C-alpha atoms as a PDB file:
ATOM      1  CA  MET A   1     141.946  64.131-167.615  1.00  0.00           C
ATOM      2  CA  VAL A   2     139.408  62.038-169.534  1.00  0.00           C
ATOM      3  CA  ALA A   3     140.777  58.865-167.932  1.00  0.00           C
ATOM      4  CA  ALA A   4     140.355  60.394-164.472  1.00  0.00           C
ATOM      5  CA  ILE A   5     136.746  61.331-165.277  1.00  0.00           C
ATOM      6  CA  ILE A   6     135.969  57.798-166.508  1.00  0.00           C
ATOM      7  CA  ILE A   7     137.515  56.223-163.414  1.00  0.00           C
ATOM      8  CA  GLY A   8     135.717  58.717-161.165  1.00  0.00           C
ATOM      9  CA  ILE A   9     132.328  57.991-162.742  1.00  0.00           C
ATOM     10  CA  PHE A  10     132.914  54.253-162.369  1.00  0.00           C
ATOM     11  CA  ILE A  11     133.862  54.571-158.686  1.00  0.00           C
ATOM     12  CA  ILE A  12     130.864  56.795-157.914  1.00  0.00           C
ATOM     13  CA  SER A  13     128.540  54.397-159.766  1.00  0.00           C
ATOM     14  CA  PHE A  14     129.923  51.436-157.828  1.00  0.00           C
ATOM     15  CA  LEU A  15     129.545  53.205-154.472  1.00  0.00           C
ATOM     16  CA  TYR A  16     126.009  54.312-155.345  1.00  0.00           C
ATOM     17  CA  ALA A  17     124.861  50.821-156.352  1.00  0.00           C
ATOM     18  CA  HIS A  18     126.547  49.123-153.399  1.00  0.00           C
ATOM     19  CA  SER A  19     125.083  51.608-150.904  1.00  0.00           C
ATOM     20  CA  ARG A  20     121.463  50.935-151.855  1.00  0.00           C
ATOM     21  CA  GLY A  21     119.756  49.085-149.040  1.00  0.00           C
ATOM     22  CA  LYS A  22     120.801  47.009-146.042  1.00  0.00           C
ATOM     23  CA  GLU A  23     121.497  43.874-148.082  1.00  0.00           C
ATOM     24  CA  LYS A  24     124.686  43.898-150.168  1.00  0.00           C
ATOM     25  CA  GLN A  25     126.246  41.789-152.885  1.00  0.00           C
ATOM     26  CA  LYS A  26     129.859  40.664-152.593  1.00  0.00           C
ATOM     27  CA  LEU A  27     132.209  43.512-153.505  1.00  0.00           C
ATOM     28  CA  THR A  28     133.723  41.581-156.416  1.00  0.00           C
ATOM     29  CA  ARG A  29     130.277  40.849-157.818  1.00  0.00           C
ATOM     30  CA  GLN A  30     128.972  44.385-157.360  1.00  0.00           C
ATOM     31  CA  LEU A  31     132.096  45.831-158.968  1.00  0.00           C
ATOM     32  CA  PHE A  32     131.157  44.405-162.371  1.00  0.00           C
ATOM     33  CA  ASP A  33     127.414  44.006-161.884  1.00  0.00           C
ATOM     34  CA  HIS A  34     125.152  45.593-164.506  1.00  0.00           C
ATOM     35  CA  SER A  35     123.638  47.800-161.780  1.00  0.00           C
ATOM     36  CA  THR A  36     127.065  49.448-161.362  1.00  0.00           C
ATOM     37  CA  PHE A  37     127.362  50.252-165.070  1.00  0.00           C
ATOM     38  CA  MET A  38     123.832  51.694-165.019  1.00  0.00           C
ATOM     39  CA  GLY A  39     124.770  53.891-162.043  1.00  0.00           C
ATOM     40  CA  PRO A  40     124.742  57.302-163.798  1.00  0.00           C
ATOM     41  CA  ILE A  41     121.252  56.680-165.202  1.00  0.00           C
ATOM     42  CA  ASN A  42     119.964  55.190-161.956  1.00  0.00           C
ATOM     43  CA  MET A  43     121.247  58.100-159.858  1.00  0.00           C
ATOM     44  CA  PHE A  44     119.148  60.407-162.033  1.00  0.00           C
ATOM     45  CA  MET A  45     116.071  58.172-161.725  1.00  0.00           C
ATOM     46  CA  THR A  46     116.160  57.850-157.940  1.00  0.00           C
ATOM     47  CA  GLY A  47     117.337  61.426-157.366  1.00  0.00           C
ATOM     48  CA  PHE A  48     114.380  62.959-159.219  1.00  0.00           C
ATOM     49  CA  SER A  49     111.800  60.349-158.213  1.00  0.00           C
ATOM     50  CA  ARG A  50     108.601  61.172-156.323  1.00  0.00           C
ATOM     51  CA  LEU A  51     108.964  57.900-154.416  1.00  0.00           C
ATOM     52  CA  PRO A  52     110.797  57.631-151.068  1.00  0.00           C
ATOM     53  CA  ALA A  53     114.527  57.337-151.735  1.00  0.00           C
ATOM     54  CA  LYS A  54     115.311  54.553-149.257  1.00  0.00           C
ATOM     55  CA  GLN A  55     112.317  52.235-149.237  1.00  0.00           C
ATOM     56  CA  PRO A  56     112.187  48.731-150.772  1.00  0.00           C
ATOM     57  CA  TYR A  57     108.368  48.374-150.835  1.00  0.00           C
ATOM     58  CA  PHE A  58     105.735  50.928-151.861  1.00  0.00           C
ATOM     59  CA  ASP A  59     102.080  51.356-150.929  1.00  0.00           C
ATOM     60  CA  GLU A  60      99.662  50.380-153.703  1.00  0.00           C
ATOM     61  CA  LYS A  61      97.701  53.579-153.002  1.00  0.00           C
ATOM     62  CA  GLY A  62     100.537  55.507-154.633  1.00  0.00           C
ATOM     63  CA  PHE A  63      99.745  53.739-157.933  1.00  0.00           C
ATOM     64  CA  PRO A  64      95.939  53.986-158.272  1.00  0.00           C
ATOM     65  CA  GLU A  65      96.063  53.145-161.988  1.00  0.00           C
ATOM     66  CA  LEU A  66      97.185  49.592-161.115  1.00  0.00           C
ATOM     67  CA  GLN A  67      93.980  48.887-159.192  1.00  0.00           C
ATOM     68  CA  THR A  68      92.408  47.891-162.523  1.00  0.00           C
ATOM     69  CA  LEU A  69      94.739  44.895-162.661  1.00  0.00           C
ATOM     70  CA  THR A  70      94.100  43.870-159.064  1.00  0.00           C
ATOM     71  CA  ASP A  71      90.332  44.188-159.546  1.00  0.00           C
ATOM     72  CA  ASN A  72      90.473  41.942-162.629  1.00  0.00           C
ATOM     73  CA  TRP A  73      92.886  39.347-161.247  1.00  0.00           C
ATOM     74  CA  GLN A  74      90.502  36.430-161.863  1.00  0.00           C
ATOM     75  CA  THR A  75      90.099  37.346-165.549  1.00  0.00           C
ATOM     76  CA  ILE A  76      93.885  37.587-165.872  1.00  0.00           C
ATOM     77  CA  ARG A  77      94.319  34.306-163.983  1.00  0.00           C
ATOM     78  CA  GLU A  78      91.950  32.474-166.357  1.00  0.00           C
ATOM     79  CA  GLU A  79      94.060  33.457-169.367  1.00  0.00           C
ATOM     80  CA  ALA A  80      97.322  32.632-167.578  1.00  0.00           C
ATOM     81  CA  VAL A  81      96.126  29.152-166.603  1.00  0.00           C
ATOM     82  CA  ARG A  82      94.765  28.490-170.091  1.00  0.00           C
ATOM     83  CA  LEU A  83      98.103  29.256-171.760  1.00  0.00           C
ATOM     84  CA  GLN A  84     100.320  27.718-169.071  1.00  0.00           C
ATOM     85  CA  ASP A  85     102.006  25.448-171.626  1.00  0.00           C
ATOM     86  CA  HIS A  86     103.233  28.606-173.398  1.00  0.00           C
ATOM     87  CA  ILE A  87     104.922  29.949-170.244  1.00  0.00           C
ATOM     88  CA  LYS A  88     108.441  28.685-170.870  1.00  0.00           C
ATOM     89  CA  LYS A  89     112.116  29.545-170.934  1.00  0.00           C
ATOM     90  CA  ALA A  90     113.728  31.225-173.954  1.00  0.00           C
ATOM     91  CA  GLN A  91     114.181  28.740-176.763  1.00  0.00           C
ATOM     92  CA  SER A  92     117.366  30.082-178.355  1.00  0.00           C
ATOM     93  CA  HIS A  93     119.435  32.183-175.896  1.00  0.00           C
ATOM     94  CA  ASN A  94     117.561  35.360-176.804  1.00  0.00           C
ATOM     95  CA  ASP A  95     116.585  36.668-173.363  1.00  0.00           C
ATOM     96  CA  ALA A  96     119.662  38.255-171.770  1.00  0.00           C
ATOM     97  CA  GLY A  97     117.751  39.839-168.898  1.00  0.00           C
ATOM     98  CA  PHE A  98     116.512  36.570-167.440  1.00  0.00           C
ATOM     99  CA  ASN A  99     118.963  34.032-168.829  1.00  0.00           C
ATOM    100  CA  THR A 100     120.309  32.918-165.436  1.00  0.00           C
ATOM    101  CA  PHE A 101     116.775  32.373-164.097  1.00  0.00           C
ATOM    102  CA  PHE A 102     115.989  29.722-166.694  1.00  0.00           C
ATOM    103  CA  LYS A 103     118.610  27.435-165.163  1.00  0.00           C
ATOM    104  CA  ARG A 104     116.559  27.538-161.942  1.00  0.00           C
ATOM    105  CA  GLY A 105     113.339  26.488-163.664  1.00  0.00           C
ATOM    106  CA  TRP A 106     111.843  29.983-163.886  1.00  0.00           C
ATOM    107  CA  LYS A 107     109.656  30.568-166.977  1.00  0.00           C
ATOM    108  CA  ARG A 108     107.883  33.516-168.597  1.00  0.00           C
ATOM    109  CA  PHE A 109     105.390  34.551-171.253  1.00  0.00           C
ATOM    110  CA  TYR A 110     105.723  38.166-172.386  1.00  0.00           C
ATOM    111  CA  LEU A 111     102.615  40.326-172.677  1.00  0.00           C
ATOM    112  CA  LYS A 112     104.392  43.556-173.683  1.00  0.00           C
ATOM    113  CA  TRP A 113     107.891  45.052-173.516  1.00  0.00           C
ATOM    114  CA  TYR A 114     108.283  48.842-173.565  1.00  0.00           C
ATOM    115  CA  SER A 115     107.679  50.054-177.140  1.00  0.00           C
ATOM    116  CA  ASP A 116     107.216  46.501-178.467  1.00  0.00           C
ATOM    117  CA  SER A 117     103.924  44.643-178.491  1.00  0.00           C
ATOM    118  CA  HIS A 118     103.852  40.841-178.679  1.00  0.00           C
ATOM    119  CA  PRO A 119     101.438  39.526-181.341  1.00  0.00           C
ATOM    120  CA  SER A 120     101.538  36.120-179.626  1.00  0.00           C
ATOM    121  CA  ALA A 121     100.120  37.678-176.447  1.00  0.00           C
ATOM    122  CA  GLN A 122      97.400  39.535-178.324  1.00  0.00           C
ATOM    123  CA  THR A 123      96.325  36.208-179.820  1.00  0.00           C
ATOM    124  CA  LEU A 124      96.508  34.019-176.703  1.00  0.00           C
ATOM    125  CA  CYS A 125      95.457  36.406-173.906  1.00  0.00           C
ATOM    126  CA  PRO A 126      93.594  39.366-175.450  1.00  0.00           C
ATOM    127  CA  LYS A 127      91.728  40.357-172.277  1.00  0.00           C
ATOM    128  CA  THR A 128      94.915  40.734-170.246  1.00  0.00           C
ATOM    129  CA  VAL A 129      96.635  42.681-173.034  1.00  0.00           C
ATOM    130  CA  GLU A 130      93.627  44.985-173.310  1.00  0.00           C
ATOM    131  CA  LEU A 131      93.731  45.668-169.554  1.00  0.00           C
ATOM    132  CA  LEU A 132      97.460  46.415-169.703  1.00  0.00           C
ATOM    133  CA  ASN A 133      97.039  48.752-172.666  1.00  0.00           C
ATOM    134  CA  ARG A 134      94.678  50.892-170.598  1.00  0.00           C
ATOM    135  CA  ILE A 135      97.554  51.743-168.246  1.00  0.00           C
ATOM    136  CA  PRO A 136     100.312  53.805-169.954  1.00  0.00           C
ATOM    137  CA  SER A 137     102.625  53.556-166.932  1.00  0.00           C
ATOM    138  CA  VAL A 138     102.923  49.767-167.349  1.00  0.00           C
ATOM    139  CA  LYS A 139     105.948  49.474-169.625  1.00  0.00           C
ATOM    140  CA  ALA A 140     106.552  45.726-169.532  1.00  0.00           C
ATOM    141  CA  ALA A 141     104.499  42.752-168.423  1.00  0.00           C
ATOM    142  CA  MET A 142     104.646  38.975-168.405  1.00  0.00           C
ATOM    143  CA  PHE A 143     103.261  35.885-166.760  1.00  0.00           C
ATOM    144  CA  ALA A 144     106.071  34.476-164.595  1.00  0.00           C
ATOM    145  CA  GLU A 145     106.161  30.910-163.283  1.00  0.00           C
ATOM    146  CA  LEU A 146     108.242  29.667-160.348  1.00  0.00           C
ATOM    147  CA  PRO A 147     107.963  25.862-160.103  1.00  0.00           C
ATOM    148  CA  PRO A 148     107.981  23.803-156.892  1.00  0.00           C
ATOM    149  CA  GLY A 149     111.344  23.589-155.153  1.00  0.00           C
ATOM    150  CA  SER A 150     112.923  26.404-157.181  1.00  0.00           C
ATOM    151  CA  HIS A 151     115.035  29.294-155.957  1.00  0.00           C
ATOM    152  CA  LEU A 152     116.262  32.538-157.558  1.00  0.00           C
ATOM    153  CA  GLY A 153     119.531  33.812-156.079  1.00  0.00           C
ATOM    154  CA  LYS A 154     120.227  37.273-154.691  1.00  0.00           C
ATOM    155  CA  HIS A 155     120.590  39.960-157.345  1.00  0.00           C
ATOM    156  CA  ARG A 156     119.877  43.567-158.269  1.00  0.00           C
ATOM    157  CA  ASP A 157     117.966  44.498-161.405  1.00  0.00           C
ATOM    158  CA  PRO A 158     119.917  47.003-163.528  1.00  0.00           C
ATOM    159  CA  TYR A 159     117.404  49.773-164.251  1.00  0.00           C
ATOM    160  CA  ALA A 160     115.887  52.204-161.718  1.00  0.00           C
ATOM    161  CA  GLY A 161     113.525  53.846-164.211  1.00  0.00           C
ATOM    162  CA  SER A 162     110.792  51.416-163.199  1.00  0.00           C
ATOM    163  CA  VAL A 163     109.377  49.743-160.108  1.00  0.00           C
ATOM    164  CA  ARG A 164     108.135  46.165-159.987  1.00  0.00           C
ATOM    165  CA  TYR A 165     104.505  45.057-159.577  1.00  0.00           C
ATOM    166  CA  HIS A 166     103.587  41.452-158.755  1.00  0.00           C
ATOM    167  CA  LEU A 167      99.990  40.199-158.734  1.00  0.00           C
ATOM    168  CA  GLY A 168      99.340  36.697-157.397  1.00  0.00           C
ATOM    169  CA  LEU A 169      97.352  34.623-159.910  1.00  0.00           C
ATOM    170  CA  MET A 170      97.949  30.960-159.101  1.00  0.00           C
ATOM    171  CA  THR A 171     100.043  30.706-155.958  1.00  0.00           C
ATOM    172  CA  PRO A 172     100.552  28.168-153.155  1.00  0.00           C
ATOM    173  CA  ASN A 173      99.162  30.806-150.731  1.00  0.00           C
ATOM    174  CA  ASP A 174     101.916  29.689-148.411  1.00  0.00           C
ATOM    175  CA  ASP A 175     104.631  31.639-146.569  1.00  0.00           C
ATOM    176  CA  ARG A 176     107.201  29.196-147.956  1.00  0.00           C
ATOM    177  CA  CYS A 177     106.678  30.750-151.395  1.00  0.00           C
ATOM    178  CA  PHE A 178     108.023  34.277-151.141  1.00  0.00           C
ATOM    179  CA  ILE A 179     110.176  37.103-152.419  1.00  0.00           C
ATOM    180  CA  GLU A 180     112.606  38.914-150.117  1.00  0.00           C
ATOM    181  CA  VAL A 181     113.568  42.518-150.938  1.00  0.00           C
ATOM    182  CA  ASP A 182     116.341  44.115-148.876  1.00  0.00           C
ATOM    183  CA  GLY A 183     115.732  41.622-146.063  1.00  0.00           C
ATOM    184  CA  GLU A 184     111.923  42.031-145.973  1.00  0.00           C
ATOM    185  CA  GLN A 185     109.832  39.032-147.061  1.00  0.00           C
ATOM    186  CA  HIS A 186     106.533  39.039-148.933  1.00  0.00           C
ATOM    187  CA  SER A 187     104.692  35.786-149.632  1.00  0.00           C
ATOM    188  CA  TRP A 188     102.467  35.745-152.706  1.00  0.00           C
ATOM    189  CA  ARG A 189      98.711  35.263-152.367  1.00  0.00           C
ATOM    190  CA  ASP A 190      96.035  34.861-155.034  1.00  0.00           C
ATOM    191  CA  GLY A 191      94.544  38.234-155.948  1.00  0.00           C
ATOM    192  CA  GLU A 192      97.028  40.245-153.870  1.00  0.00           C
ATOM    193  CA  ALA A 193      99.548  42.716-155.293  1.00  0.00           C
ATOM    194  CA  VAL A 194     102.902  44.016-154.100  1.00  0.00           C
ATOM    195  CA  ILE A 195     105.080  46.847-155.459  1.00  0.00           C
ATOM    196  CA  PHE A 196     108.812  47.068-154.787  1.00  0.00           C
ATOM    197  CA  ASP A 197     112.074  48.622-155.976  1.00  0.00           C
ATOM    198  CA  GLU A 198     113.910  45.942-157.955  1.00  0.00           C
ATOM    199  CA  THR A 199     117.273  47.731-157.698  1.00  0.00           C
ATOM    200  CA  TYR A 200     117.527  46.566-154.081  1.00  0.00           C
ATOM    201  CA  VAL A 201     119.028  43.121-153.495  1.00  0.00           C
ATOM    202  CA  HIS A 202     116.208  40.586-153.758  1.00  0.00           C
ATOM    203  CA  TRP A 203     115.682  36.863-154.158  1.00  0.00           C
ATOM    204  CA  ALA A 204     112.783  34.411-154.352  1.00  0.00           C
ATOM    205  CA  GLN A 205     111.941  30.876-153.342  1.00  0.00           C
ATOM    206  CA  ASN A 206     109.134  28.378-153.786  1.00  0.00           C
ATOM    207  CA  ALA A 207     109.684  25.695-151.143  1.00  0.00           C
ATOM    208  CA  THR A 208     106.211  24.200-151.648  1.00  0.00           C
ATOM    209  CA  ASP A 209     104.973  21.410-153.928  1.00  0.00           C
ATOM    210  CA  GLN A 210     102.782  23.771-155.988  1.00  0.00           C
ATOM    211  CA  THR A 211     103.541  26.035-158.953  1.00  0.00           C
ATOM    212  CA  ARG A 212     103.436  29.806-158.549  1.00  0.00           C
ATOM    213  CA  ILE A 213     102.224  32.014-161.428  1.00  0.00           C
ATOM    214  CA  ILE A 214     102.073  35.805-161.118  1.00  0.00           C
ATOM    215  CA  LEU A 215     101.496  38.826-163.319  1.00  0.00           C
ATOM    216  CA  PHE A 216     104.884  40.578-163.361  1.00  0.00           C
ATOM    217  CA  CYS A 217     104.980  44.233-164.500  1.00  0.00           C
ATOM    218  CA  ASP A 218     107.557  46.995-164.808  1.00  0.00           C
ATOM    219  CA  VAL A 219     105.839  50.285-163.979  1.00  0.00           C
ATOM    220  CA  GLU A 220     107.430  53.583-164.979  1.00  0.00           C
ATOM    221  CA  ARG A 221     108.901  55.284-161.907  1.00  0.00           C
ATOM    222  CA  PRO A 222     106.959  58.494-161.133  1.00  0.00           C
ATOM    223  CA  MET A 223     109.224  61.554-161.246  1.00  0.00           C
ATOM    224  CA  LYS A 224     108.987  64.958-159.549  1.00  0.00           C
ATOM    225  CA  TRP A 225     108.843  67.039-162.736  1.00  0.00           C
ATOM    226  CA  ARG A 226     107.524  66.575-166.271  1.00  0.00           C
ATOM    227  CA  TRP A 227     110.931  67.007-167.889  1.00  0.00           C
ATOM    228  CA  ALA A 228     112.380  64.280-165.640  1.00  0.00           C
ATOM    229  CA  GLN A 229     109.438  62.010-166.487  1.00  0.00           C
ATOM    230  CA  ALA A 230     110.088  62.676-170.179  1.00  0.00           C
ATOM    231  CA  VAL A 231     113.745  61.663-169.770  1.00  0.00           C
ATOM    232  CA  ASN A 232     112.700  58.471-167.974  1.00  0.00           C
ATOM    233  CA  HIS A 233     110.187  57.686-170.707  1.00  0.00           C
ATOM    234  CA  TRP A 234     112.770  58.265-173.455  1.00  0.00           C
ATOM    235  CA  VAL A 235     115.410  56.060-171.799  1.00  0.00           C
ATOM    236  CA  GLY A 236     112.893  53.250-171.397  1.00  0.00           C
ATOM    237  CA  ALA A 237     111.675  53.561-174.978  1.00  0.00           C
ATOM    238  CA  THR A 238     115.202  53.460-176.426  1.00  0.00           C
ATOM    239  CA  LEU A 239     117.492  51.508-174.108  1.00  0.00           C
ATOM    240  CA  MET A 240     115.072  49.003-172.573  1.00  0.00           C
ATOM    241  CA  SER A 241     113.243  48.301-175.840  1.00  0.00           C
ATOM    242  CA  ALA A 242     116.494  46.858-177.183  1.00  0.00           C
ATOM    243  CA  ALA A 243     116.109  44.023-174.648  1.00  0.00           C
ATOM    244  CA  SER A 244     112.827  42.776-176.134  1.00  0.00           C
ATOM    245  CA  SER A 245     112.572  38.972-176.213  1.00  0.00           C
ATOM    246  CA  PRO A 246     110.048  36.905-178.201  1.00  0.00           C
ATOM    247  CA  ASN A 247     107.583  34.251-177.075  1.00  0.00           C
ATOM    248  CA  ASP A 248     107.647  32.720-180.557  1.00  0.00           C
ATOM    249  CA  ASP A 249     108.656  33.460-184.151  1.00  0.00           C
ATOM    250  CA  GLN A 250     106.005  36.128-184.729  1.00  0.00           C
ATOM    251  CA  ASP A 251     107.404  38.388-181.971  1.00  0.00           C
ATOM    252  CA  ARG A 252     110.303  40.831-182.365  1.00  0.00           C
ATOM    253  CA  THR A 253     113.772  40.230-180.899  1.00  0.00           C
ATOM    254  CA  GLY A 254     115.577  43.383-179.705  1.00  0.00           C
ATOM    255  CA  GLY A 255     119.156  44.249-180.651  1.00  0.00           C
ATOM    256  CA  ILE A 256     120.618  43.297-177.263  1.00  0.00           C
ATOM    257  CA  ASN A 257     119.130  39.823-177.488  1.00  0.00           C
ATOM    258  CA  ARG A 258     120.228  39.343-181.097  1.00  0.00           C
ATOM    259  CA  ILE A 259     123.807  39.892-179.895  1.00  0.00           C
ATOM    260  CA  PHE A 260     123.373  37.922-176.675  1.00  0.00           C
ATOM    261  CA  LYS A 261     123.514  34.474-178.270  1.00  0.00           C
ATOM    262  CA  TYR A 262     127.140  35.178-179.236  1.00  0.00           C
ATOM    263  CA  VAL A 263     127.965  36.565-175.785  1.00  0.00           C
ATOM    264  CA  ASN A 264     126.353  33.509-174.230  1.00  0.00           C
ATOM    265  CA  ALA A 265     128.495  31.183-176.355  1.00  0.00           C
ATOM    266  CA  VAL A 266     131.637  32.896-175.009  1.00  0.00           C
ATOM    267  CA  ARG A 267     130.301  32.663-171.452  1.00  0.00           C
ATOM    268  CA  ASP A 268     129.520  28.957-171.855  1.00  0.00           C
ATOM    269  CA  ALA A 269     133.092  28.398-173.039  1.00  0.00           C
ATOM    270  CA  GLY A 270     134.279  30.235-169.927  1.00  0.00           C
ATOM    271  CA  GLN A 271     132.185  28.002-167.677  1.00  0.00           C
ATOM    272  CA  ARG A 272     133.645  24.903-169.313  1.00  0.00           C
ATOM    273  CA  LEU A 273     137.144  26.284-168.670  1.00  0.00           C
ATOM    274  CA  LYS A 274     136.176  27.030-165.057  1.00  0.00           C
ATOM    275  CA  ALA A 275     135.062  23.415-164.567  1.00  0.00           C
ATOM    276  CA  ARG A 276     138.407  22.126-165.904  1.00  0.00           C
ATOM    277  CA  ASN A 277     140.797  24.736-164.510  1.00  0.00           C
ATOM    278  CA  ARG A 278     139.381  27.153-161.929  1.00  0.00           C
ATOM    279  CA  ARG A 279     142.651  29.055-161.426  1.00  0.00           C
ATOM    280  CA  GLY A 280     143.168  29.470-165.169  1.00  0.00           C
ATOM    281  CA  TYR A 281     139.578  30.707-165.558  1.00  0.00           C
ATOM    282  CA  TYR A 282     139.996  33.496-163.001  1.00  0.00           C
ATOM    283  CA  LEU A 283     143.406  34.471-164.379  1.00  0.00           C
ATOM    284  CA  LEU A 284     141.924  34.822-167.874  1.00  0.00           C
ATOM    285  CA  LYS A 285     138.865  36.666-166.539  1.00  0.00           C
ATOM    286  CA  TRP A 286     140.921  39.344-164.780  1.00  0.00           C
ATOM    287  CA  LEU A 287     143.269  39.688-167.751  1.00  0.00           C
ATOM    288  CA  VAL A 288     140.266  40.364-170.017  1.00  0.00           C
ATOM    289  CA  ILE A 289     138.854  42.905-167.545  1.00  0.00           C
ATOM    290  CA  ALA A 290     142.243  44.639-167.305  1.00  0.00           C
ATOM    291  CA  ALA A 291     142.518  44.725-171.105  1.00  0.00           C
ATOM    292  CA  ILE A 292     139.069  46.316-171.427  1.00  0.00           C
ATOM    293  CA  PHE A 293     139.919  49.011-168.893  1.00  0.00           C
ATOM    294  CA  ALA A 294     143.252  49.645-170.596  1.00  0.00           C
ATOM    295  CA  ALA A 295     141.539  49.985-173.984  1.00  0.00           C
ATOM    296  CA  ILE A 296     139.191  52.605-172.522  1.00  0.00           C
ATOM    297  CA  ILE A 297     141.660  54.562-170.420  1.00  0.00           C
ATOM    298  CA  ILE A 298     145.055  54.476-172.219  1.00  0.00           C
ATOM    299  CA  PRO A 299     143.885  56.368-175.375  1.00  0.00           C
ATOM    300  CA  SER A 300     142.747  59.255-173.161  1.00  0.00           C
ATOM    301  CA  LEU A 301     146.027  59.613-171.256  1.00  0.00           C
END
């Protein structure tokens, strides 16, 4: 009985994640994508949300509190440009959420992450941090850099408890530098903001010869009722805080990222095996997956 429930939840979660939007990931990728495993939580978040259920982009007017950031974009830009040398990839495999992006040249400097503040940000960009702290719905924020010629592949973000806000700070102001969400493109412009649902398939590209820097924020998804908003807030404060990643040694590293360096070492070993013996790699991969499922299901039979 328990095994049937576990399998049923997994199948429903997979179907839910795969059904979101017009754009899809390959079935084999979606099957074991983190958005599938977050399905039960995400179904709650989208089911009780005040936002339209099937819409990749949202009108800024629905988030009036974010106008403060848009109005002060030049102040934020000045601090971002001044600390550009500090916008960099993780130094020691301690950023699980964005690890694959670093290989594409993407860089970040954290300003806040859910319940964790970043002392480094308070020191280097106090005006931006002060603006962010005025807005309780902004749960995470960073400066994000996409260098010339770089490309971020199609993916879904795992957590539907937030929506994504991008504010152009230093951009090419060119349609060749864009993000595409569920098949709809938006090109970044200095001083212009866009809000979208990051659980839809999206990807980004900078095909120009100029660097793009934006303010990147996770904004708590507005819910229909207070109790649902409280649940969303609690999940973010507990689960997402564990994914905190530091800019430098004075910032905190969350539990997920303390473990991730060991997971990453195993994954790197897998990639080396894949380069030497592709068939052996996939055989081992599916054996491990089967063993994990067996370990979960067999004890409940």
